[in-house]
Protein backbone atom coordinates (compact mmCIF):
# COMPACT_ATOMS: atom_id res chain seq x y z
CA MET A 1 4.68 -10.33 3.05
CA ARG A 2 8.38 -9.73 2.78
CA PRO A 3 11.13 -8.69 5.17
CA GLY A 4 12.46 -5.14 5.05
CA THR A 5 15.49 -4.55 2.92
CA GLY A 6 16.88 -1.16 3.87
CA GLU A 7 16.23 2.48 4.64
CA VAL A 8 14.25 5.03 2.68
CA ASP A 9 16.60 7.35 0.85
CA LEU A 10 14.35 10.40 0.71
CA LEU A 11 17.31 12.63 -0.10
CA ARG A 12 17.62 11.18 -3.61
CA LEU A 13 14.02 12.12 -4.45
CA ALA A 14 13.01 15.45 -5.97
CA PRO A 15 12.17 17.95 -3.20
CA LEU A 16 8.48 18.17 -4.17
CA VAL A 17 8.07 14.39 -4.28
CA ARG A 18 9.98 14.00 -1.03
CA ALA A 19 7.79 16.59 0.69
CA ARG A 20 4.61 14.96 -0.61
CA ILE A 21 5.66 11.52 0.63
CA VAL A 22 6.72 12.75 4.07
CA ALA A 23 3.54 14.85 4.39
CA ALA A 24 1.24 11.98 3.42
CA LEU A 25 2.89 9.47 5.73
CA SER A 26 3.11 12.00 8.56
CA LEU A 27 -0.58 12.73 8.12
CA ALA A 28 -1.27 9.03 8.46
CA LEU A 29 0.56 9.12 11.79
CA VAL A 30 -1.29 12.07 13.31
CA ALA A 31 -4.66 12.45 11.58
CA PRO A 32 -7.60 10.55 13.00
CA LEU A 33 -9.00 7.80 10.81
CA VAL A 34 -12.63 8.26 9.87
CA PRO A 35 -13.86 4.90 8.55
CA GLY A 36 -16.31 6.36 6.04
CA LEU A 37 -13.71 8.65 4.53
CA VAL A 38 -10.67 6.41 4.17
CA ARG A 39 -12.09 3.57 2.13
CA ALA A 40 -13.04 3.42 -1.50
CA GLU A 41 -16.80 3.43 -1.77
CA THR A 42 -17.14 2.01 -5.28
CA TRP A 43 -16.00 -0.96 -7.31
CA ASP A 44 -14.83 1.49 -9.99
CA ARG A 45 -12.33 2.99 -7.55
CA VAL A 46 -11.09 -0.45 -6.52
CA GLY A 47 -10.81 -1.48 -10.18
CA SER A 48 -8.96 1.64 -11.29
CA TYR A 49 -6.43 1.28 -8.47
CA ALA A 50 -5.91 -2.41 -9.27
CA ALA A 51 -5.34 -1.39 -12.91
CA LEU A 52 -2.69 1.12 -11.81
CA ILE A 53 -0.96 -1.60 -9.80
CA ARG A 54 -0.97 -3.86 -12.87
CA ARG A 55 0.43 -1.03 -15.01
CA ALA A 56 3.41 -0.98 -12.65
CA GLY A 57 4.05 -4.62 -13.55
CA THR A 58 2.48 -6.31 -10.53
CA HIS A 59 0.15 -9.22 -11.20
CA THR A 60 -3.15 -8.95 -9.33
CA LEU A 61 -4.89 -12.20 -8.52
CA VAL A 62 -8.16 -13.08 -6.83
CA ALA A 63 -8.43 -16.45 -5.10
CA LYS A 64 -11.51 -18.17 -3.74
CA ASP A 65 -9.67 -20.89 -1.83
CA CYS A 66 -7.35 -19.09 0.61
CA PRO A 67 -6.81 -20.35 4.17
CA SER A 68 -9.49 -18.90 6.45
CA ALA A 69 -7.29 -16.31 8.17
CA LEU A 70 -5.71 -14.89 5.00
CA LEU A 71 -7.25 -11.76 3.46
CA GLY A 72 -4.47 -11.00 0.98
CA ALA A 73 -0.77 -11.30 0.33
CA PHE A 74 2.07 -9.93 -1.74
CA HIS A 75 4.70 -12.29 -3.12
CA ALA A 76 7.76 -10.18 -4.01
CA PRO A 77 9.72 -12.78 -6.04
CA ARG A 78 6.74 -13.18 -8.38
CA ASN A 79 5.65 -9.55 -8.03
CA ALA A 80 2.09 -10.76 -7.43
CA LEU A 81 -0.64 -9.32 -5.21
CA LEU A 82 -3.36 -11.70 -4.04
CA ILE A 83 -6.83 -10.85 -2.76
CA CYS A 84 -8.69 -13.66 -0.97
CA ALA A 85 -12.30 -13.31 -2.10
CA ASN A 86 -13.47 -16.21 0.05
CA ASN A 87 -12.47 -14.35 3.24
CA ILE A 88 -13.71 -10.84 2.41
CA GLU A 89 -17.29 -9.66 2.11
CA ASP A 90 -18.43 -8.60 -1.35
CA ASP A 91 -18.07 -4.96 -0.37
CA PRO A 92 -15.76 -2.47 -2.14
CA ARG A 93 -14.85 -0.83 1.19
CA GLN A 94 -13.50 -4.09 2.60
CA VAL A 95 -11.74 -5.04 -0.62
CA TRP A 96 -10.18 -1.55 -0.72
CA VAL A 97 -8.64 -1.97 2.74
CA VAL A 98 -6.99 -5.25 1.71
CA LEU A 99 -5.90 -3.86 -1.68
CA ALA A 100 -4.43 -0.73 -0.06
CA HIS A 101 -2.64 -2.84 2.58
CA GLU A 102 -1.10 -5.19 0.03
CA SER A 103 -0.24 -2.30 -2.28
CA ALA A 104 1.92 -0.90 0.53
CA HIS A 105 4.01 -4.06 0.16
CA VAL A 106 4.16 -3.43 -3.59
CA MET A 107 5.40 0.10 -2.82
CA GLN A 108 8.06 -1.34 -0.50
CA HIS A 109 9.07 -3.67 -3.33
CA CYS A 110 9.21 -0.82 -5.87
CA HIS A 111 11.23 1.29 -3.45
CA GLY A 112 13.52 -1.52 -2.33
CA GLY A 113 12.87 -0.94 1.35
CA PRO A 114 10.74 0.75 4.00
CA LEU A 115 8.49 3.69 3.20
CA ILE A 116 8.92 5.74 6.37
CA PRO A 117 12.10 6.99 8.04
CA ASP A 118 13.39 5.08 11.05
CA HIS A 119 12.54 7.88 13.47
CA GLN A 120 8.80 7.63 12.61
CA VAL A 121 8.37 3.89 13.24
CA GLY A 122 7.74 4.34 16.98
CA ASN A 123 5.09 6.99 16.31
CA ALA A 124 3.45 4.73 13.75
CA LEU A 125 3.31 1.84 16.18
CA ALA A 126 1.88 4.05 18.93
CA ARG A 127 -0.80 5.30 16.54
CA ILE A 128 -1.79 1.76 15.60
CA GLU A 129 -1.98 0.77 19.28
CA ALA A 130 -4.16 3.80 20.07
CA GLN A 131 -6.54 2.95 17.23
CA SER A 132 -6.83 -0.76 17.80
CA ARG A 133 -5.38 -2.89 20.54
CA THR A 134 -6.25 -5.97 18.46
CA THR A 135 -4.26 -4.76 15.45
CA PHE A 136 -1.38 -3.88 17.75
CA GLN A 137 -1.46 -7.39 19.20
CA GLU A 138 -1.57 -8.88 15.68
CA LEU A 139 1.62 -7.00 14.79
CA ARG A 140 3.38 -8.73 17.66
CA LEU A 141 2.66 -12.09 16.00
CA TYR A 142 4.84 -11.23 13.01
CA HIS A 143 8.50 -12.09 12.98
CA GLN A 144 10.67 -9.05 13.74
CA SER A 145 11.90 -9.03 10.12
CA GLN A 146 8.32 -8.44 8.90
CA ARG A 147 6.97 -6.17 11.61
CA ARG A 148 8.08 -2.84 10.13
CA ASP A 149 6.61 -3.69 6.73
CA GLU A 150 3.32 -4.59 8.43
CA ILE A 151 3.27 -1.35 10.43
CA GLU A 152 3.64 0.63 7.20
CA ALA A 153 0.98 -1.44 5.44
CA ARG A 154 -1.49 -0.79 8.24
CA LEU A 155 -0.82 2.94 8.00
CA VAL A 156 -1.38 2.91 4.24
CA GLN A 157 -4.60 0.89 4.49
CA GLY A 158 -6.06 3.64 6.68
CA MET A 159 -5.25 6.50 4.33
CA PRO A 160 -7.80 8.08 1.96
CA PRO A 161 -7.80 6.50 -1.52
CA ASP A 162 -6.36 9.59 -3.24
CA GLU A 163 -3.40 9.59 -0.87
CA VAL A 164 -2.81 5.86 -1.29
CA GLU A 165 -2.76 6.29 -5.06
CA ALA A 166 -0.44 9.31 -4.84
CA LEU A 167 1.98 7.32 -2.67
CA PHE A 168 1.86 4.43 -5.10
CA ARG A 169 2.59 6.76 -8.02
CA SER A 170 5.50 8.24 -6.06
CA PHE A 171 7.10 5.00 -4.91
CA CYS A 172 6.44 3.06 -8.12
CA ALA A 173 6.93 5.97 -10.55
CA GLU A 174 9.96 4.34 -12.17
CA ARG A 175 8.00 1.20 -12.99
CA LEU A 176 5.10 3.21 -14.33
CA SER A 177 7.38 5.34 -16.53
CA ASP A 178 9.36 2.26 -17.65
CA ARG A 179 6.17 1.04 -19.26
CA ASN A 180 5.75 4.42 -20.94
CA LEU A 181 2.13 4.58 -19.86
CA GLY A 182 0.31 7.75 -18.95
CA HIS A 183 -2.67 8.19 -16.69
CA PRO A 184 -5.93 6.64 -17.89
CA GLY A 185 -7.34 8.85 -20.58
CA ASP A 186 -3.99 10.33 -21.59
CA SER A 187 -3.69 10.64 -25.34
CA SER A 188 0.08 11.10 -25.11
CA VAL A 189 0.81 7.36 -25.29
CA SER A 190 2.15 6.56 -28.72
CA PRO A 191 1.20 3.31 -30.44
CA PRO A 192 3.85 0.53 -30.57
């Protein structure tokens, strides 16, 4: 986890992209979370999202020897996302939640700062508290410099997989295009 580094500059984004990002994150603030609908149900979905994250230049690692309380982590200086297999059940739905959460930190890294505007942070925190008093209490354990990043990550982890992927493509688009890679199955990628 990394401390926040600045504000979202939504004004520099194309209007359609900006509207999509604001709509998706706003939906996460006001729409109820339905556990069966917000998690990836298959290993294929988990694998394809992890592949997209790798295409953006982030290393994805799986460890079997993490400390007992750690489910995952993102290390910004190494641009590496870690999933702790020894602390998560062998269930794609649980792995998805951790992958989506940590990918929010990758998005923050790609973007160079927070994902939501300052005026939505209070609403996000209130939503998290309404959904889970335990999660709200856990947020209080983080240092103030990490709290906002963790609020955003918890919002992202509760979003439907298609929306998580769309956000990732929006916030990390520059890294994806820098690698000149298309979507899986695109035949437009020219050989080196």
